[in-house]
Amino acid sequence: MMRTAYDIIVRPIITEQSMEDLDIKKYVFEVMKSANKIEIKKAIEEIFDVKVIKVTTTIVPGKEKRVGAKPAGYTSDWKKAVVKLSRKSKNIEIFEGMV
């Protein structure tokens, strides 16, 4: 089964911490858990028409959550990718106006 770039990139992560690195062209995305760095790089370059120089990934473990008193469940584990763009590359627009 062929995955598209839009399958690989789930959503942008917009937090105070992720916004601090925009000036050095670092962007944070939630990605498909099975995607590797090469797939993530190609997907970001295809969707946003930018040049990616580095991708770092991490699995974010799920947190314990409870509804009522009975046994606590967990949120799902998910994969986070931090994407560094080249200096000449244009910015990713969806993050503009967030800072």
PDB file of N, CA and C in Angstrom:
ATOM      1  N   MET A   1       0.840  -1.190   0.000  1.00  0.00           N
ATOM      2  CA  MET A   1       0.000   0.000   0.000  1.00  0.00           C
ATOM      3  C   MET A   1       0.885   1.254   0.000  1.00  0.00           C
ATOM      4  N   MET A   2       0.618   2.144  -0.902  1.00  0.00           N
ATOM      5  CA  MET A   2       1.413   3.368  -1.007  1.00  0.00           C
ATOM      6  C   MET A   2       0.831   4.443  -0.101  1.00  0.00           C
ATOM      7  N   ARG A   3       1.679   5.035   0.716  1.00  0.00           N
ATOM      8  CA  ARG A   3       1.230   6.095   1.605  1.00  0.00           C
ATOM      9  C   ARG A   3       1.520   7.443   0.965  1.00  0.00           C
ATOM     10  N   THR A   4       0.590   8.367   1.095  1.00  0.00           N
ATOM     11  CA  THR A   4       0.823   9.704   0.550  1.00  0.00           C
ATOM     12  C   THR A   4       1.485  10.564   1.622  1.00  0.00           C
ATOM     13  N   ALA A   5       1.996  11.710   1.208  1.00  0.00           N
ATOM     14  CA  ALA A   5       2.618  12.642   2.139  1.00  0.00           C
ATOM     15  C   ALA A   5       1.622  13.068   3.213  1.00  0.00           C
ATOM     16  N   TYR A   6       0.350  13.167   2.811  1.00  0.00           N
ATOM     17  CA  TYR A   6      -0.674  13.610   3.762  1.00  0.00           C
ATOM     18  C   TYR A   6      -1.037  12.517   4.765  1.00  0.00           C
ATOM     19  N   ASP A   7      -0.749  11.254   4.446  1.00  0.00           N
ATOM     20  CA  ASP A   7      -0.933  10.172   5.420  1.00  0.00           C
ATOM     21  C   ASP A   7       0.171  10.225   6.478  1.00  0.00           C
ATOM     22  N   ILE A   8       1.377  10.555   6.051  1.00  0.00           N
ATOM     23  CA  ILE A   8       2.537  10.528   6.940  1.00  0.00           C
ATOM     24  C   ILE A   8       2.496  11.672   7.950  1.00  0.00           C
ATOM     25  N   ILE A   9       2.177  12.880   7.492  1.00  0.00           N
ATOM     26  CA  ILE A   9       2.124  14.038   8.384  1.00  0.00           C
ATOM     27  C   ILE A   9       0.708  14.132   8.949  1.00  0.00           C
ATOM     28  N   VAL A  10       0.582  13.942  10.261  1.00  0.00           N
ATOM     29  CA  VAL A  10      -0.743  13.937  10.886  1.00  0.00           C
ATOM     30  C   VAL A  10      -1.208  15.357  11.161  1.00  0.00           C
ATOM     31  N   ARG A  11      -0.381  16.145  11.877  1.00  0.00           N
ATOM     32  CA  ARG A  11      -0.761  17.523  12.198  1.00  0.00           C
ATOM     33  C   ARG A  11       0.461  18.284  12.679  1.00  0.00           C
ATOM     34  N   PRO A  12       0.427  19.634  12.587  1.00  0.00           N
ATOM     35  CA  PRO A  12       1.506  20.420  13.182  1.00  0.00           C
ATOM     36  C   PRO A  12       1.305  20.494  14.695  1.00  0.00           C
ATOM     37  N   ILE A  13       2.385  20.591  15.443  1.00  0.00           N
ATOM     38  CA  ILE A  13       2.312  20.748  16.892  1.00  0.00           C
ATOM     39  C   ILE A  13       2.567  22.219  17.195  1.00  0.00           C
ATOM     40  N   ILE A  14       1.569  22.885  17.774  1.00  0.00           N
ATOM     41  CA  ILE A  14       1.696  24.313  18.044  1.00  0.00           C
ATOM     42  C   ILE A  14       1.636  24.515  19.553  1.00  0.00           C
ATOM     43  N   THR A  15       2.826  24.667  20.150  1.00  0.00           N
ATOM     44  CA  THR A  15       2.953  24.890  21.587  1.00  0.00           C
ATOM     45  C   THR A  15       3.948  26.021  21.796  1.00  0.00           C
ATOM     46  N   GLU A  16       4.029  26.543  23.007  1.00  0.00           N
ATOM     47  CA  GLU A  16       5.011  27.592  23.284  1.00  0.00           C
ATOM     48  C   GLU A  16       6.417  27.106  22.955  1.00  0.00           C
ATOM     49  N   GLN A  17       6.700  25.877  23.352  1.00  0.00           N
ATOM     50  CA  GLN A  17       8.039  25.336  23.136  1.00  0.00           C
ATOM     51  C   GLN A  17       8.361  25.198  21.642  1.00  0.00           C
ATOM     52  N   SER A  18       7.390  24.725  20.853  1.00  0.00           N
ATOM     53  CA  SER A  18       7.660  24.559  19.420  1.00  0.00           C
ATOM     54  C   SER A  18       7.746  25.911  18.701  1.00  0.00           C
ATOM     55  N   MET A  19       7.057  26.924  19.229  1.00  0.00           N
ATOM     56  CA  MET A  19       7.086  28.244  18.590  1.00  0.00           C
ATOM     57  C   MET A  19       8.435  28.946  18.795  1.00  0.00           C
ATOM     58  N   GLU A  20       9.150  28.612  19.869  1.00  0.00           N
ATOM     59  CA  GLU A  20      10.424  29.275  20.159  1.00  0.00           C
ATOM     60  C   GLU A  20      11.480  29.012  19.092  1.00  0.00           C
ATOM     61  N   ASP A  21      11.391  27.882  18.402  1.00  0.00           N
ATOM     62  CA  ASP A  21      12.418  27.508  17.430  1.00  0.00           C
ATOM     63  C   ASP A  21      12.096  27.917  15.997  1.00  0.00           C
ATOM     64  N   LEU A  22      10.998  28.654  15.792  1.00  0.00           N
ATOM     65  CA  LEU A  22      10.625  29.034  14.424  1.00  0.00           C
ATOM     66  C   LEU A  22      11.682  29.930  13.775  1.00  0.00           C
ATOM     67  N   ASP A  23      12.311  30.799  14.575  1.00  0.00           N
ATOM     68  CA  ASP A  23      13.302  31.709  14.003  1.00  0.00           C
ATOM     69  C   ASP A  23      14.532  30.971  13.491  1.00  0.00           C
ATOM     70  N   ILE A  24      14.799  29.755  13.984  1.00  0.00           N
ATOM     71  CA  ILE A  24      15.912  28.964  13.438  1.00  0.00           C
ATOM     72  C   ILE A  24      15.397  27.872  12.497  1.00  0.00           C
ATOM     73  N   LYS A  25      14.157  28.060  12.030  1.00  0.00           N
ATOM     74  CA  LYS A  25      13.531  27.186  11.016  1.00  0.00           C
ATOM     75  C   LYS A  25      13.397  25.737  11.482  1.00  0.00           C
ATOM     76  N   LYS A  26      12.969  25.569  12.732  1.00  0.00           N
ATOM     77  CA  LYS A  26      12.646  24.238  13.253  1.00  0.00           C
ATOM     78  C   LYS A  26      11.146  24.161  13.447  1.00  0.00           C
ATOM     79  N   TYR A  27      10.540  23.140  12.878  1.00  0.00           N
ATOM     80  CA  TYR A  27       9.095  22.964  12.951  1.00  0.00           C
ATOM     81  C   TYR A  27       8.792  21.588  13.528  1.00  0.00           C
ATOM     82  N   VAL A  28       7.683  21.476  14.273  1.00  0.00           N
ATOM     83  CA  VAL A  28       7.340  20.228  14.951  1.00  0.00           C
ATOM     84  C   VAL A  28       6.016  19.700  14.401  1.00  0.00           C
ATOM     85  N   PHE A  29       6.002  18.402  14.083  1.00  0.00           N
ATOM     86  CA  PHE A  29       4.806  17.762  13.549  1.00  0.00           C
ATOM     87  C   PHE A  29       4.537  16.450  14.275  1.00  0.00           C
ATOM     88  N   GLU A  30       3.255  16.083  14.358  1.00  0.00           N
ATOM     89  CA  GLU A  30       2.922  14.713  14.725  1.00  0.00           C
ATOM     90  C   GLU A  30       2.912  13.930  13.424  1.00  0.00           C
ATOM     91  N   VAL A  31       3.564  12.766  13.424  1.00  0.00           N
ATOM     92  CA  VAL A  31       3.663  11.964  12.211  1.00  0.00           C
ATOM     93  C   VAL A  31       3.157  10.547  12.463  1.00  0.00           C
ATOM     94  N   MET A  32       2.927   9.823  11.380  1.00  0.00           N
ATOM     95  CA  MET A  32       2.508   8.434  11.464  1.00  0.00           C
ATOM     96  C   MET A  32       3.568   7.646  12.236  1.00  0.00           C
ATOM     97  N   LYS A  33       3.131   6.783  13.140  1.00  0.00           N
ATOM     98  CA  LYS A  33       4.077   6.096  14.021  1.00  0.00           C
ATOM     99  C   LYS A  33       5.055   5.198  13.253  1.00  0.00           C
ATOM    100  N   SER A  34       4.624   4.678  12.120  1.00  0.00           N
ATOM    101  CA  SER A  34       5.482   3.768  11.358  1.00  0.00           C
ATOM    102  C   SER A  34       6.372   4.488  10.338  1.00  0.00           C
ATOM    103  N   ALA A  35       6.242   5.814  10.219  1.00  0.00           N
ATOM    104  CA  ALA A  35       7.026   6.553   9.219  1.00  0.00           C
ATOM    105  C   ALA A  35       8.475   6.691   9.671  1.00  0.00           C
ATOM    106  N   ASN A  36       9.409   6.571   8.713  1.00  0.00           N
ATOM    107  CA  ASN A  36      10.818   6.783   9.054  1.00  0.00           C
ATOM    108  C   ASN A  36      11.242   8.205   8.650  1.00  0.00           C
ATOM    109  N   LYS A  37      12.474   8.561   9.011  1.00  0.00           N
ATOM    110  CA  LYS A  37      12.933   9.938   8.785  1.00  0.00           C
ATOM    111  C   LYS A  37      12.957  10.314   7.306  1.00  0.00           C
ATOM    112  N   ILE A  38      13.320   9.373   6.447  1.00  0.00           N
ATOM    113  CA  ILE A  38      13.386   9.649   5.009  1.00  0.00           C
ATOM    114  C   ILE A  38      11.986   9.954   4.477  1.00  0.00           C
ATOM    115  N   GLU A  39      11.004   9.150   4.887  1.00  0.00           N
ATOM    116  CA  GLU A  39       9.614   9.389   4.459  1.00  0.00           C
ATOM    117  C   GLU A  39       9.111  10.736   4.970  1.00  0.00           C
ATOM    118  N   ILE A  40       9.440  11.064   6.214  1.00  0.00           N
ATOM    119  CA  ILE A  40       9.001  12.331   6.805  1.00  0.00           C
ATOM    120  C   ILE A  40       9.606  13.498   6.032  1.00  0.00           C
ATOM    121  N   LYS A  41      10.900  13.412   5.728  1.00  0.00           N
ATOM    122  CA  LYS A  41      11.587  14.470   4.973  1.00  0.00           C
ATOM    123  C   LYS A  41      10.924  14.681   3.609  1.00  0.00           C
ATOM    124  N   LYS A  42      10.689  13.578   2.892  1.00  0.00           N
ATOM    125  CA  LYS A  42      10.066  13.688   1.563  1.00  0.00           C
ATOM    126  C   LYS A  42       8.663  14.273   1.653  1.00  0.00           C
ATOM    127  N   ALA A  43       7.910  13.866   2.672  1.00  0.00           N
ATOM    128  CA  ALA A  43       6.539  14.349   2.826  1.00  0.00           C
ATOM    129  C   ALA A  43       6.505  15.850   3.104  1.00  0.00           C
ATOM    130  N   ILE A  44       7.366  16.320   4.000  1.00  0.00           N
ATOM    131  CA  ILE A  44       7.405  17.756   4.324  1.00  0.00           C
ATOM    132  C   ILE A  44       7.824  18.554   3.092  1.00  0.00           C
ATOM    133  N   GLU A  45       8.842  18.066   2.367  1.00  0.00           N
ATOM    134  CA  GLU A  45       9.307  18.779   1.170  1.00  0.00           C
ATOM    135  C   GLU A  45       8.214  18.829   0.112  1.00  0.00           C
ATOM    136  N   GLU A  46       7.459  17.735  -0.026  1.00  0.00           N
ATOM    137  CA  GLU A  46       6.392  17.686  -1.034  1.00  0.00           C
ATOM    138  C   GLU A  46       5.230  18.607  -0.668  1.00  0.00           C
ATOM    139  N   ILE A  47       4.796  18.573   0.579  1.00  0.00           N
ATOM    140  CA  ILE A  47       3.611  19.346   0.980  1.00  0.00           C
ATOM    141  C   ILE A  47       3.899  20.843   1.001  1.00  0.00           C
ATOM    142  N   PHE A  48       5.040  21.233   1.596  1.00  0.00           N
ATOM    143  CA  PHE A  48       5.290  22.651   1.839  1.00  0.00           C
ATOM    144  C   PHE A  48       6.287  23.273   0.873  1.00  0.00           C
ATOM    145  N   ASP A  49       6.860  22.494  -0.051  1.00  0.00           N
ATOM    146  CA  ASP A  49       7.813  22.995  -1.043  1.00  0.00           C
ATOM    147  C   ASP A  49       8.989  23.706  -0.359  1.00  0.00           C
ATOM    148  N   VAL A  50       9.624  23.004   0.585  1.00  0.00           N
ATOM    149  CA  VAL A  50      10.772  23.539   1.320  1.00  0.00           C
ATOM    150  C   VAL A  50      11.920  22.536   1.236  1.00  0.00           C
ATOM    151  N   LYS A  51      13.105  22.937   1.721  1.00  0.00           N
ATOM    152  CA  LYS A  51      14.279  22.049   1.729  1.00  0.00           C
ATOM    153  C   LYS A  51      14.578  21.656   3.174  1.00  0.00           C
ATOM    154  N   VAL A  52      14.458  20.361   3.467  1.00  0.00           N
ATOM    155  CA  VAL A  52      14.695  19.846   4.814  1.00  0.00           C
ATOM    156  C   VAL A  52      16.135  19.374   4.915  1.00  0.00           C
ATOM    157  N   ILE A  53      16.854  19.811   5.981  1.00  0.00           N
ATOM    158  CA  ILE A  53      18.235  19.344   6.157  1.00  0.00           C
ATOM    159  C   ILE A  53      18.362  18.340   7.291  1.00  0.00           C
ATOM    160  N   LYS A  54      17.405  18.312   8.224  1.00  0.00           N
ATOM    161  CA  LYS A  54      17.522  17.376   9.340  1.00  0.00           C
ATOM    162  C   LYS A  54      16.146  17.027   9.891  1.00  0.00           C
ATOM    163  N   VAL A  55      15.977  15.757  10.250  1.00  0.00           N
ATOM    164  CA  VAL A  55      14.738  15.302  10.886  1.00  0.00           C
ATOM    165  C   VAL A  55      15.121  14.520  12.135  1.00  0.00           C
ATOM    166  N   THR A  56      14.567  14.903  13.271  1.00  0.00           N
ATOM    167  CA  THR A  56      14.750  14.104  14.485  1.00  0.00           C
ATOM    168  C   THR A  56      13.372  13.627  14.923  1.00  0.00           C
ATOM    169  N   THR A  57      13.305  12.390  15.389  1.00  0.00           N
ATOM    170  CA  THR A  57      12.005  11.841  15.783  1.00  0.00           C
ATOM    171  C   THR A  57      12.077  11.290  17.196  1.00  0.00           C
ATOM    172  N   THR A  58      10.924  11.230  17.834  1.00  0.00           N
ATOM    173  CA  THR A  58      10.813  10.633  19.156  1.00  0.00           C
ATOM    174  C   THR A  58       9.414  10.063  19.318  1.00  0.00           C
ATOM    175  N   ILE A  59       9.315   8.974  20.046  1.00  0.00           N
ATOM    176  CA  ILE A  59       8.007   8.417  20.381  1.00  0.00           C
ATOM    177  C   ILE A  59       7.571   9.050  21.701  1.00  0.00           C
ATOM    178  N   VAL A  60       6.411   9.682  21.703  1.00  0.00           N
ATOM    179  CA  VAL A  60       5.889  10.312  22.911  1.00  0.00           C
ATOM    180  C   VAL A  60       4.962   9.307  23.589  1.00  0.00           C
ATOM    181  N   PRO A  61       5.307   8.862  24.811  1.00  0.00           N
ATOM    182  CA  PRO A  61       4.476   7.857  25.466  1.00  0.00           C
ATOM    183  C   PRO A  61       3.133   8.438  25.901  1.00  0.00           C
ATOM    184  N   GLY A  62       2.103   7.593  25.890  1.00  0.00           N
ATOM    185  CA  GLY A  62       0.782   8.029  26.305  1.00  0.00           C
ATOM    186  C   GLY A  62       0.747   8.337  27.790  1.00  0.00           C
ATOM    187  N   LYS A  63      -0.161   9.237  28.165  1.00  0.00           N
ATOM    188  CA  LYS A  63      -0.305   9.612  29.570  1.00  0.00           C
ATOM    189  C   LYS A  63      -1.464   8.847  30.190  1.00  0.00           C
ATOM    190  N   GLU A  64      -1.379   8.662  31.489  1.00  0.00           N
ATOM    191  CA  GLU A  64      -2.482   8.026  32.205  1.00  0.00           C
ATOM    192  C   GLU A  64      -3.625   9.024  32.334  1.00  0.00           C
ATOM    193  N   LYS A  65      -4.818   8.587  31.975  1.00  0.00           N
ATOM    194  CA  LYS A  65      -6.004   9.440  32.106  1.00  0.00           C
ATOM    195  C   LYS A  65      -7.082   8.636  32.806  1.00  0.00           C
ATOM    196  N   ARG A  66      -7.910   9.312  33.578  1.00  0.00           N
ATOM    197  CA  ARG A  66      -9.015   8.604  34.206  1.00  0.00           C
ATOM    198  C   ARG A  66     -10.313   9.355  33.982  1.00  0.00           C
ATOM    199  N   VAL A  67     -11.378   8.579  33.867  1.00  0.00           N
ATOM    200  CA  VAL A  67     -12.716   9.147  33.786  1.00  0.00           C
ATOM    201  C   VAL A  67     -13.462   8.558  34.973  1.00  0.00           C
ATOM    202  N   GLY A  68     -13.778   9.380  35.951  1.00  0.00           N
ATOM    203  CA  GLY A  68     -14.397   8.853  37.157  1.00  0.00           C
ATOM    204  C   GLY A  68     -13.339   8.202  38.033  1.00  0.00           C
ATOM    205  N   ALA A  69     -13.777   7.246  38.861  1.00  0.00           N
ATOM    206  CA  ALA A  69     -12.885   6.691  39.868  1.00  0.00           C
ATOM    207  C   ALA A  69     -12.212   5.407  39.420  1.00  0.00           C
ATOM    208  N   LYS A  70     -12.827   4.719  38.509  1.00  0.00           N
ATOM    209  CA  LYS A  70     -12.355   3.366  38.191  1.00  0.00           C
ATOM    210  C   LYS A  70     -11.064   3.370  37.382  1.00  0.00           C
ATOM    211  N   PRO A  71     -10.604   2.193  36.946  1.00  0.00           N
ATOM    212  CA  PRO A  71      -9.220   2.088  36.475  1.00  0.00           C
ATOM    213  C   PRO A  71      -8.866   3.124  35.417  1.00  0.00           C
ATOM    214  N   ALA A  72      -7.680   3.645  35.591  1.00  0.00           N
ATOM    215  CA  ALA A  72      -7.206   4.663  34.659  1.00  0.00           C
ATOM    216  C   ALA A  72      -6.825   4.003  33.345  1.00  0.00           C
ATOM    217  N   GLY A  73      -7.058   4.712  32.242  1.00  0.00           N
ATOM    218  CA  GLY A  73      -6.615   4.245  30.938  1.00  0.00           C
ATOM    219  C   GLY A  73      -5.423   5.079  30.517  1.00  0.00           C
ATOM    220  N   TYR A  74      -4.986   4.877  29.295  1.00  0.00           N
ATOM    221  CA  TYR A  74      -3.858   5.638  28.771  1.00  0.00           C
ATOM    222  C   TYR A  74      -4.230   6.247  27.432  1.00  0.00           C
ATOM    223  N   THR A  75      -3.702   7.453  27.167  1.00  0.00           N
ATOM    224  CA  THR A  75      -3.817   8.000  25.829  1.00  0.00           C
ATOM    225  C   THR A  75      -2.832   7.244  24.939  1.00  0.00           C
ATOM    226  N   SER A  76      -2.992   7.324  23.645  1.00  0.00           N
ATOM    227  CA  SER A  76      -2.137   6.581  22.718  1.00  0.00           C
ATOM    228  C   SER A  76      -0.721   7.148  22.698  1.00  0.00           C
ATOM    229  N   ASP A  77       0.252   6.269  22.447  1.00  0.00           N
ATOM    230  CA  ASP A  77       1.607   6.736  22.142  1.00  0.00           C
ATOM    231  C   ASP A  77       1.558   7.374  20.757  1.00  0.00           C
ATOM    232  N   TRP A  78       2.406   8.371  20.510  1.00  0.00           N
ATOM    233  CA  TRP A  78       2.456   8.983  19.183  1.00  0.00           C
ATOM    234  C   TRP A  78       3.883   9.399  18.861  1.00  0.00           C
ATOM    235  N   LYS A  79       4.126   9.665  17.595  1.00  0.00           N
ATOM    236  CA  LYS A  79       5.475   9.988  17.135  1.00  0.00           C
ATOM    237  C   LYS A  79       5.554  11.467  16.782  1.00  0.00           C
ATOM    238  N   LYS A  80       6.610  12.103  17.269  1.00  0.00           N
ATOM    239  CA  LYS A  80       6.834  13.521  17.018  1.00  0.00           C
ATOM    240  C   LYS A  80       8.078  13.664  16.153  1.00  0.00           C
ATOM    241  N   ALA A  81       8.008  14.542  15.159  1.00  0.00           N
ATOM    242  CA  ALA A  81       9.166  14.811  14.300  1.00  0.00           C
ATOM    243  C   ALA A  81       9.504  16.293  14.368  1.00  0.00           C
ATOM    244  N   VAL A  82      10.775  16.592  14.629  1.00  0.00           N
ATOM    245  CA  VAL A  82      11.262  17.970  14.583  1.00  0.00           C
ATOM    246  C   VAL A  82      12.038  18.111  13.279  1.00  0.00           C
ATOM    247  N   VAL A  83      11.588  19.035  12.440  1.00  0.00           N
ATOM    248  CA  VAL A  83      12.133  19.189  11.090  1.00  0.00           C
ATOM    249  C   VAL A  83      12.905  20.498  11.017  1.00  0.00           C
ATOM    250  N   LYS A  84      14.181  20.413  10.609  1.00  0.00           N
ATOM    251  CA  LYS A  84      15.013  21.608  10.449  1.00  0.00           C
ATOM    252  C   LYS A  84      15.133  21.915   8.964  1.00  0.00           C
ATOM    253  N   LEU A  85      14.782  23.151   8.593  1.00  0.00           N
ATOM    254  CA  LEU A  85      14.852  23.555   7.183  1.00  0.00           C
ATOM    255  C   LEU A  85      16.190  24.246   6.902  1.00  0.00           C
ATOM    256  N   SER A  86      16.586  24.248   5.633  1.00  0.00           N
ATOM    257  CA  SER A  86      17.813  24.941   5.251  1.00  0.00           C
ATOM    258  C   SER A  86      17.616  26.448   5.398  1.00  0.00           C
ATOM    259  N   ARG A  87      18.722  27.156   5.529  1.00  0.00           N
ATOM    260  CA  ARG A  87      18.652  28.604   5.757  1.00  0.00           C
ATOM    261  C   ARG A  87      17.980  29.330   4.594  1.00  0.00           C
ATOM    262  N   LYS A  88      18.197  28.850   3.365  1.00  0.00           N
ATOM    263  CA  LYS A  88      17.630  29.503   2.179  1.00  0.00           C
ATOM    264  C   LYS A  88      16.160  29.161   1.974  1.00  0.00           C
ATOM    265  N   SER A  89      15.687  28.123   2.640  1.00  0.00           N
ATOM    266  CA  SER A  89      14.322  27.645   2.448  1.00  0.00           C
ATOM    267  C   SER A  89      13.307  28.660   2.970  1.00  0.00           C
ATOM    268  N   LYS A  90      12.144  28.717   2.311  1.00  0.00           N
ATOM    269  CA  LYS A  90      11.100  29.619   2.805  1.00  0.00           C
ATOM    270  C   LYS A  90      10.452  29.034   4.057  1.00  0.00           C
ATOM    271  N   ASN A  91       9.745  29.878   4.808  1.00  0.00           N
ATOM    272  CA  ASN A  91       9.084  29.417   6.031  1.00  0.00           C
ATOM    273  C   ASN A  91       7.818  28.641   5.693  1.00  0.00           C
ATOM    274  N   ILE A  92       7.361  27.831   6.640  1.00  0.00           N
ATOM    275  CA  ILE A  92       6.102  27.095   6.475  1.00  0.00           C
ATOM    276  C   ILE A  92       4.981  28.002   6.964  1.00  0.00           C
ATOM    277  N   GLU A  93       4.021  28.303   6.072  1.00  0.00           N
ATOM    278  CA  GLU A  93       3.024  29.331   6.351  1.00  0.00           C
ATOM    279  C   GLU A  93       2.099  29.022   7.517  1.00  0.00           C
ATOM    280  N   ILE A  94       1.769  27.725   7.739  1.00  0.00           N
ATOM    281  CA  ILE A  94       0.781  27.438   8.781  1.00  0.00           C
ATOM    282  C   ILE A  94       1.256  27.860  10.158  1.00  0.00           C
ATOM    283  N   PHE A  95       2.557  28.043  10.325  1.00  0.00           N
ATOM    284  CA  PHE A  95       3.075  28.470  11.612  1.00  0.00           C
ATOM    285  C   PHE A  95       3.151  29.994  11.719  1.00  0.00           C
ATOM    286  N   GLU A  96       2.987  30.688  10.598  1.00  0.00           N
ATOM    287  CA  GLU A  96       3.080  32.143  10.606  1.00  0.00           C
ATOM    288  C   GLU A  96       1.866  32.719  11.350  1.00  0.00           C
ATOM    289  N   GLY A  97       2.078  33.820  12.054  1.00  0.00           N
ATOM    290  CA  GLY A  97       0.977  34.458  12.776  1.00  0.00           C
ATOM    291  C   GLY A  97       0.646  33.764  14.089  1.00  0.00           C
ATOM    292  N   MET A  98       1.377  32.706  14.432  1.00  0.00           N
ATOM    293  CA  MET A  98       1.131  32.010  15.688  1.00  0.00           C
ATOM    294  C   MET A  98       1.992  32.595  16.803  1.00  0.00           C
ATOM    295  N   VAL A  99       3.081  33.250  16.420  1.00  0.00           N
ATOM    296  CA  VAL A  99       4.040  33.716  17.423  1.00  0.00           C
ATOM    297  C   VAL A  99       3.594  35.045  18.010  1.00  0.00           C
TER     298      VAL A  99
END
